[in-house]
Amino acid sequence: MVKVVATNDQAKLLAESNESVEFVDANGKRLGTLMRPPSDEDIRIAKERIAGDGKRHTTDEVVTRLRSLEQS
């Protein structure tokens, strides 16, 4: 595994971020993305949605529907 050591300033920015962080090289080429872990609020919302009575669709149903829209 490759280890990259962040400067103190970089580490502070990463720790304070409330969203994903994109890493780029000096030319702006995308190297990767650091995804923040879900917050307690994110987890609460997800649990509410799972417990809800709303209609659910499988991935196959969604893909089929999107493909039908492309052909229209």
PDB file of N, CA and C in Angstrom:
ATOM      1  N   MET A   1       0.849  -1.172   0.000  1.00  0.00           N
ATOM      2  CA  MET A   1       0.000   0.000   0.000  1.00  0.00           C
ATOM      3  C   MET A   1       0.893   1.232   0.000  1.00  0.00           C
ATOM      4  N   VAL A   2       0.478   2.245  -0.729  1.00  0.00           N
ATOM      5  CA  VAL A   2       1.189   3.518  -0.780  1.00  0.00           C
ATOM      6  C   VAL A   2       0.654   4.414   0.328  1.00  0.00           C
ATOM      7  N   LYS A   3       1.545   5.066   1.014  1.00  0.00           N
ATOM      8  CA  LYS A   3       1.138   5.994   2.074  1.00  0.00           C
ATOM      9  C   LYS A   3       1.575   7.396   1.682  1.00  0.00           C
ATOM     10  N   VAL A   4       0.643   8.350   1.723  1.00  0.00           N
ATOM     11  CA  VAL A   4       0.922   9.755   1.461  1.00  0.00           C
ATOM     12  C   VAL A   4       0.691  10.509   2.754  1.00  0.00           C
ATOM     13  N   VAL A   5       1.670  11.279   3.169  1.00  0.00           N
ATOM     14  CA  VAL A   5       1.570  12.025   4.424  1.00  0.00           C
ATOM     15  C   VAL A   5       1.112  13.445   4.123  1.00  0.00           C
ATOM     16  N   ALA A   6       0.000  13.834   4.711  1.00  0.00           N
ATOM     17  CA  ALA A   6      -0.546  15.179   4.525  1.00  0.00           C
ATOM     18  C   ALA A   6       0.165  16.155   5.455  1.00  0.00           C
ATOM     19  N   THR A   7       0.310  17.386   4.986  1.00  0.00           N
ATOM     20  CA  THR A   7       0.834  18.433   5.859  1.00  0.00           C
ATOM     21  C   THR A   7      -0.200  18.719   6.937  1.00  0.00           C
ATOM     22  N   ASN A   8       0.180  19.417   7.963  1.00  0.00           N
ATOM     23  CA  ASN A   8      -0.774  19.767   9.024  1.00  0.00           C
ATOM     24  C   ASN A   8      -1.947  20.560   8.468  1.00  0.00           C
ATOM     25  N   ASP A   9      -1.673  21.497   7.559  1.00  0.00           N
ATOM     26  CA  ASP A   9      -2.749  22.293   6.952  1.00  0.00           C
ATOM     27  C   ASP A   9      -3.687  21.414   6.128  1.00  0.00           C
ATOM     28  N   GLN A  10      -3.133  20.495   5.367  1.00  0.00           N
ATOM     29  CA  GLN A  10      -3.954  19.590   4.562  1.00  0.00           C
ATOM     30  C   GLN A  10      -4.792  18.687   5.460  1.00  0.00           C
ATOM     31  N   ALA A  11      -4.182  18.151   6.505  1.00  0.00           N
ATOM     32  CA  ALA A  11      -4.902  17.280   7.425  1.00  0.00           C
ATOM     33  C   ALA A  11      -6.054  18.026   8.086  1.00  0.00           C
ATOM     34  N   LYS A  12      -5.843  19.289   8.425  1.00  0.00           N
ATOM     35  CA  LYS A  12      -6.906  20.095   9.035  1.00  0.00           C
ATOM     36  C   LYS A  12      -8.067  20.281   8.057  1.00  0.00           C
ATOM     37  N   LEU A  13      -7.759  20.588   6.807  1.00  0.00           N
ATOM     38  CA  LEU A  13      -8.812  20.741   5.785  1.00  0.00           C
ATOM     39  C   LEU A  13      -9.608  19.451   5.618  1.00  0.00           C
ATOM     40  N   LEU A  14      -8.914  18.328   5.578  1.00  0.00           N
ATOM     41  CA  LEU A  14      -9.581  17.036   5.427  1.00  0.00           C
ATOM     42  C   LEU A  14     -10.491  16.749   6.619  1.00  0.00           C
ATOM     43  N   ALA A  15      -9.998  17.012   7.818  1.00  0.00           N
ATOM     44  CA  ALA A  15     -10.777  16.729   9.023  1.00  0.00           C
ATOM     45  C   ALA A  15     -12.003  17.618   9.140  1.00  0.00           C
ATOM     46  N   GLU A  16     -11.906  18.849   8.650  1.00  0.00           N
ATOM     47  CA  GLU A  16     -13.008  19.805   8.780  1.00  0.00           C
ATOM     48  C   GLU A  16     -14.018  19.715   7.649  1.00  0.00           C
ATOM     49  N   SER A  17     -13.708  18.946   6.612  1.00  0.00           N
ATOM     50  CA  SER A  17     -14.598  18.879   5.456  1.00  0.00           C
ATOM     51  C   SER A  17     -15.892  18.148   5.801  1.00  0.00           C
ATOM     52  N   ASN A  18     -16.992  18.692   5.321  1.00  0.00           N
ATOM     53  CA  ASN A  18     -18.303  18.062   5.504  1.00  0.00           C
ATOM     54  C   ASN A  18     -18.763  17.361   4.237  1.00  0.00           C
ATOM     55  N   GLU A  19     -17.886  17.243   3.270  1.00  0.00           N
ATOM     56  CA  GLU A  19     -18.242  16.604   2.014  1.00  0.00           C
ATOM     57  C   GLU A  19     -17.049  15.832   1.471  1.00  0.00           C
ATOM     58  N   SER A  20     -17.205  15.222   0.333  1.00  0.00           N
ATOM     59  CA  SER A  20     -16.124  14.472  -0.290  1.00  0.00           C
ATOM     60  C   SER A  20     -14.998  15.414  -0.678  1.00  0.00           C
ATOM     61  N   VAL A  21     -13.782  14.884  -0.714  1.00  0.00           N
ATOM     62  CA  VAL A  21     -12.605  15.670  -1.078  1.00  0.00           C
ATOM     63  C   VAL A  21     -11.985  15.047  -2.310  1.00  0.00           C
ATOM     64  N   GLU A  22     -11.775  15.858  -3.339  1.00  0.00           N
ATOM     65  CA  GLU A  22     -11.159  15.369  -4.565  1.00  0.00           C
ATOM     66  C   GLU A  22      -9.670  15.687  -4.529  1.00  0.00           C
ATOM     67  N   PHE A  23      -8.841  14.687  -4.870  1.00  0.00           N
ATOM     68  CA  PHE A  23      -7.405  14.876  -4.941  1.00  0.00           C
ATOM     69  C   PHE A  23      -6.994  15.009  -6.398  1.00  0.00           C
ATOM     70  N   VAL A  24      -6.187  16.032  -6.698  1.00  0.00           N
ATOM     71  CA  VAL A  24      -5.689  16.264  -8.053  1.00  0.00           C
ATOM     72  C   VAL A  24      -4.188  16.502  -7.991  1.00  0.00           C
ATOM     73  N   ASP A  25      -3.517  16.272  -9.125  1.00  0.00           N
ATOM     74  CA  ASP A  25      -2.088  16.565  -9.185  1.00  0.00           C
ATOM     75  C   ASP A  25      -1.899  18.039  -9.552  1.00  0.00           C
ATOM     76  N   ALA A  26      -0.651  18.450  -9.738  1.00  0.00           N
ATOM     77  CA  ALA A  26      -0.339  19.857 -10.031  1.00  0.00           C
ATOM     78  C   ALA A  26      -0.961  20.346 -11.330  1.00  0.00           C
ATOM     79  N   ASN A  27      -1.300  19.424 -12.228  1.00  0.00           N
ATOM     80  CA  ASN A  27      -1.925  19.786 -13.506  1.00  0.00           C
ATOM     81  C   ASN A  27      -3.444  19.709 -13.468  1.00  0.00           C
ATOM     82  N   GLY A  28      -3.992  19.374 -12.315  1.00  0.00           N
ATOM     83  CA  GLY A  28      -5.443  19.276 -12.190  1.00  0.00           C
ATOM     84  C   GLY A  28      -6.003  17.904 -12.543  1.00  0.00           C
ATOM     85  N   LYS A  29      -5.117  16.944 -12.843  1.00  0.00           N
ATOM     86  CA  LYS A  29      -5.584  15.584 -13.175  1.00  0.00           C
ATOM     87  C   LYS A  29      -6.106  14.921 -11.907  1.00  0.00           C
ATOM     88  N   ARG A  30      -7.302  14.379 -12.003  1.00  0.00           N
ATOM     89  CA  ARG A  30      -7.946  13.746 -10.853  1.00  0.00           C
ATOM     90  C   ARG A  30      -7.204  12.479 -10.464  1.00  0.00           C
ATOM     91  N   LEU A  31      -6.854  12.401  -9.185  1.00  0.00           N
ATOM     92  CA  LEU A  31      -6.150  11.234  -8.661  1.00  0.00           C
ATOM     93  C   LEU A  31      -7.068  10.323  -7.872  1.00  0.00           C
ATOM     94  N   GLY A  32      -8.063  10.895  -7.220  1.00  0.00           N
ATOM     95  CA  GLY A  32      -8.965  10.087  -6.419  1.00  0.00           C
ATOM     96  C   GLY A  32      -9.855  10.966  -5.564  1.00  0.00           C
ATOM     97  N   THR A  33     -10.724  10.312  -4.811  1.00  0.00           N
ATOM     98  CA  THR A  33     -11.679  11.011  -3.962  1.00  0.00           C
ATOM     99  C   THR A  33     -11.695  10.367  -2.594  1.00  0.00           C
ATOM    100  N   LEU A  34     -11.726  11.191  -1.579  1.00  0.00           N
ATOM    101  CA  LEU A  34     -11.873  10.728  -0.206  1.00  0.00           C
ATOM    102  C   LEU A  34     -13.318  10.985   0.198  1.00  0.00           C
ATOM    103  N   MET A  35     -14.040   9.922   0.503  1.00  0.00           N
ATOM    104  CA  MET A  35     -15.432  10.058   0.900  1.00  0.00           C
ATOM    105  C   MET A  35     -15.513  10.143   2.416  1.00  0.00           C
ATOM    106  N   ARG A  36     -16.249  11.107   2.904  1.00  0.00           N
ATOM    107  CA  ARG A  36     -16.396  11.231   4.349  1.00  0.00           C
ATOM    108  C   ARG A  36     -17.334  10.131   4.835  1.00  0.00           C
ATOM    109  N   PRO A  37     -17.138   9.659   6.048  1.00  0.00           N
ATOM    110  CA  PRO A  37     -18.061   8.647   6.567  1.00  0.00           C
ATOM    111  C   PRO A  37     -19.430   9.280   6.818  1.00  0.00           C
ATOM    112  N   PRO A  38     -20.494   8.490   6.794  1.00  0.00           N
ATOM    113  CA  PRO A  38     -21.827   9.066   7.035  1.00  0.00           C
ATOM    114  C   PRO A  38     -21.928   9.608   8.454  1.00  0.00           C
ATOM    115  N   SER A  39     -22.603  10.742   8.558  1.00  0.00           N
ATOM    116  CA  SER A  39     -22.826  11.348   9.874  1.00  0.00           C
ATOM    117  C   SER A  39     -23.976  10.621  10.575  1.00  0.00           C
ATOM    118  N   ASP A  40     -24.142  10.898  11.846  1.00  0.00           N
ATOM    119  CA  ASP A  40     -25.275  10.333  12.582  1.00  0.00           C
ATOM    120  C   ASP A  40     -26.594  10.752  11.939  1.00  0.00           C
ATOM    121  N   GLU A  41     -26.630  11.987  11.439  1.00  0.00           N
ATOM    122  CA  GLU A  41     -27.842  12.488  10.770  1.00  0.00           C
ATOM    123  C   GLU A  41     -28.099  11.721   9.473  1.00  0.00           C
ATOM    124  N   ASP A  42     -27.048  11.459   8.696  1.00  0.00           N
ATOM    125  CA  ASP A  42     -27.191  10.667   7.464  1.00  0.00           C
ATOM    126  C   ASP A  42     -27.772   9.289   7.774  1.00  0.00           C
ATOM    127  N   ILE A  43     -27.258   8.668   8.818  1.00  0.00           N
ATOM    128  CA  ILE A  43     -27.722   7.334   9.217  1.00  0.00           C
ATOM    129  C   ILE A  43     -29.169   7.380   9.672  1.00  0.00           C
ATOM    130  N   ARG A  44     -29.542   8.409  10.435  1.00  0.00           N
ATOM    131  CA  ARG A  44     -30.922   8.545  10.897  1.00  0.00           C
ATOM    132  C   ARG A  44     -31.879   8.670   9.711  1.00  0.00           C
ATOM    133  N   ILE A  45     -31.521   9.504   8.749  1.00  0.00           N
ATOM    134  CA  ILE A  45     -32.368   9.709   7.565  1.00  0.00           C
ATOM    135  C   ILE A  45     -32.502   8.406   6.776  1.00  0.00           C
ATOM    136  N   ALA A  46     -31.394   7.690   6.595  1.00  0.00           N
ATOM    137  CA  ALA A  46     -31.435   6.429   5.850  1.00  0.00           C
ATOM    138  C   ALA A  46     -32.343   5.414   6.540  1.00  0.00           C
ATOM    139  N   LYS A  47     -32.253   5.339   7.850  1.00  0.00           N
ATOM    140  CA  LYS A  47     -33.102   4.399   8.594  1.00  0.00           C
ATOM    141  C   LYS A  47     -34.573   4.768   8.468  1.00  0.00           C
ATOM    142  N   GLU A  48     -34.875   6.056   8.491  1.00  0.00           N
ATOM    143  CA  GLU A  48     -36.276   6.491   8.307  1.00  0.00           C
ATOM    144  C   GLU A  48     -36.791   6.087   6.939  1.00  0.00           C
ATOM    145  N   ARG A  49     -35.968   6.273   5.912  1.00  0.00           N
ATOM    146  CA  ARG A  49     -36.384   5.926   4.550  1.00  0.00           C
ATOM    147  C   ARG A  49     -36.593   4.425   4.393  1.00  0.00           C
ATOM    148  N   ILE A  50     -35.714   3.642   4.991  1.00  0.00           N
ATOM    149  CA  ILE A  50     -35.851   2.186   4.909  1.00  0.00           C
ATOM    150  C   ILE A  50     -37.135   1.722   5.587  1.00  0.00           C
ATOM    151  N   ALA A  51     -37.474   2.367   6.703  1.00  0.00           N
ATOM    152  CA  ALA A  51     -38.661   1.968   7.458  1.00  0.00           C
ATOM    153  C   ALA A  51     -39.948   2.494   6.830  1.00  0.00           C
ATOM    154  N   GLY A  52     -39.848   3.437   5.913  1.00  0.00           N
ATOM    155  CA  GLY A  52     -41.025   4.056   5.310  1.00  0.00           C
ATOM    156  C   GLY A  52     -41.792   3.109   4.405  1.00  0.00           C
ATOM    157  N   ASP A  53     -42.996   3.543   4.042  1.00  0.00           N
ATOM    158  CA  ASP A  53     -43.873   2.738   3.191  1.00  0.00           C
ATOM    159  C   ASP A  53     -43.768   3.116   1.719  1.00  0.00           C
ATOM    160  N   GLY A  54     -42.808   3.963   1.371  1.00  0.00           N
ATOM    161  CA  GLY A  54     -42.688   4.413  -0.011  1.00  0.00           C
ATOM    162  C   GLY A  54     -42.411   3.274  -0.972  1.00  0.00           C
ATOM    163  N   LYS A  55     -42.769   3.495  -2.233  1.00  0.00           N
ATOM    164  CA  LYS A  55     -42.554   2.488  -3.259  1.00  0.00           C
ATOM    165  C   LYS A  55     -41.059   2.320  -3.513  1.00  0.00           C
ATOM    166  N   ARG A  56     -40.642   1.095  -3.708  1.00  0.00           N
ATOM    167  CA  ARG A  56     -39.237   0.791  -3.966  1.00  0.00           C
ATOM    168  C   ARG A  56     -39.098   0.158  -5.357  1.00  0.00           C
ATOM    169  N   HIS A  57     -37.949   0.361  -5.952  1.00  0.00           N
ATOM    170  CA  HIS A  57     -37.668  -0.197  -7.277  1.00  0.00           C
ATOM    171  C   HIS A  57     -36.325  -0.903  -7.237  1.00  0.00           C
ATOM    172  N   THR A  58     -36.222  -1.990  -7.971  1.00  0.00           N
ATOM    173  CA  THR A  58     -34.946  -2.691  -8.077  1.00  0.00           C
ATOM    174  C   THR A  58     -34.039  -1.903  -9.017  1.00  0.00           C
ATOM    175  N   THR A  59     -32.751  -2.217  -8.965  1.00  0.00           N
ATOM    176  CA  THR A  59     -31.793  -1.582  -9.875  1.00  0.00           C
ATOM    177  C   THR A  59     -32.173  -1.880 -11.316  1.00  0.00           C
ATOM    178  N   ASP A  60     -32.569  -3.115 -11.596  1.00  0.00           N
ATOM    179  CA  ASP A  60     -32.967  -3.486 -12.959  1.00  0.00           C
ATOM    180  C   ASP A  60     -34.152  -2.650 -13.434  1.00  0.00           C
ATOM    181  N   GLU A  61     -35.115  -2.416 -12.566  1.00  0.00           N
ATOM    182  CA  GLU A  61     -36.281  -1.594 -12.933  1.00  0.00           C
ATOM    183  C   GLU A  61     -35.865  -0.167 -13.261  1.00  0.00           C
ATOM    184  N   VAL A  62     -34.969   0.375 -12.471  1.00  0.00           N
ATOM    185  CA  VAL A  62     -34.513   1.751 -12.705  1.00  0.00           C
ATOM    186  C   VAL A  62     -33.738   1.839 -14.015  1.00  0.00           C
ATOM    187  N   VAL A  63     -32.842   0.891 -14.251  1.00  0.00           N
ATOM    188  CA  VAL A  63     -32.052   0.894 -15.486  1.00  0.00           C
ATOM    189  C   VAL A  63     -32.961   0.751 -16.695  1.00  0.00           C
ATOM    190  N   THR A  64     -33.917  -0.152 -16.638  1.00  0.00           N
ATOM    191  CA  THR A  64     -34.866  -0.340 -17.742  1.00  0.00           C
ATOM    192  C   THR A  64     -35.635   0.944 -18.006  1.00  0.00           C
ATOM    193  N   ARG A  65     -36.081   1.597 -16.963  1.00  0.00           N
ATOM    194  CA  ARG A  65     -36.840   2.852 -17.122  1.00  0.00           C
ATOM    195  C   ARG A  65     -35.969   3.945 -17.740  1.00  0.00           C
ATOM    196  N   LEU A  66     -34.736   4.065 -17.279  1.00  0.00           N
ATOM    197  CA  LEU A  66     -33.839   5.086 -17.838  1.00  0.00           C
ATOM    198  C   LEU A  66     -33.527   4.815 -19.304  1.00  0.00           C
ATOM    199  N   ARG A  67     -33.310   3.554 -19.641  1.00  0.00           N
ATOM    200  CA  ARG A  67     -33.058   3.213 -21.043  1.00  0.00           C
ATOM    201  C   ARG A  67     -34.258   3.515 -21.931  1.00  0.00           C
ATOM    202  N   SER A  68     -35.453   3.297 -21.396  1.00  0.00           N
ATOM    203  CA  SER A  68     -36.657   3.597 -22.189  1.00  0.00           C
ATOM    204  C   SER A  68     -36.785   5.096 -22.421  1.00  0.00           C
ATOM    205  N   LEU A  69     -36.330   5.895 -21.488  1.00  0.00           N
ATOM    206  CA  LEU A  69     -36.387   7.341 -21.652  1.00  0.00           C
ATOM    207  C   LEU A  69     -35.384   7.814 -22.702  1.00  0.00           C
ATOM    208  N   GLU A  70     -34.225   7.153 -22.782  1.00  0.00           N
ATOM    209  CA  GLU A  70     -33.227   7.500 -23.797  1.00  0.00           C
ATOM    210  C   GLU A  70     -33.754   7.253 -25.196  1.00  0.00           C
ATOM    211  N   GLN A  71     -34.593   6.217 -25.351  1.00  0.00           N
ATOM    212  CA  GLN A  71     -35.094   5.842 -26.662  1.00  0.00           C
ATOM    213  C   GLN A  71     -36.296   6.667 -27.089  1.00  0.00           C
ATOM    214  N   SER A  72     -36.850   7.421 -26.183  1.00  0.00           N
ATOM    215  CA  SER A  72     -38.047   8.223 -26.493  1.00  0.00           C
ATOM    216  C   SER A  72     -37.694   9.460 -27.278  1.00  0.00           C
TER     217      SER A  72
END
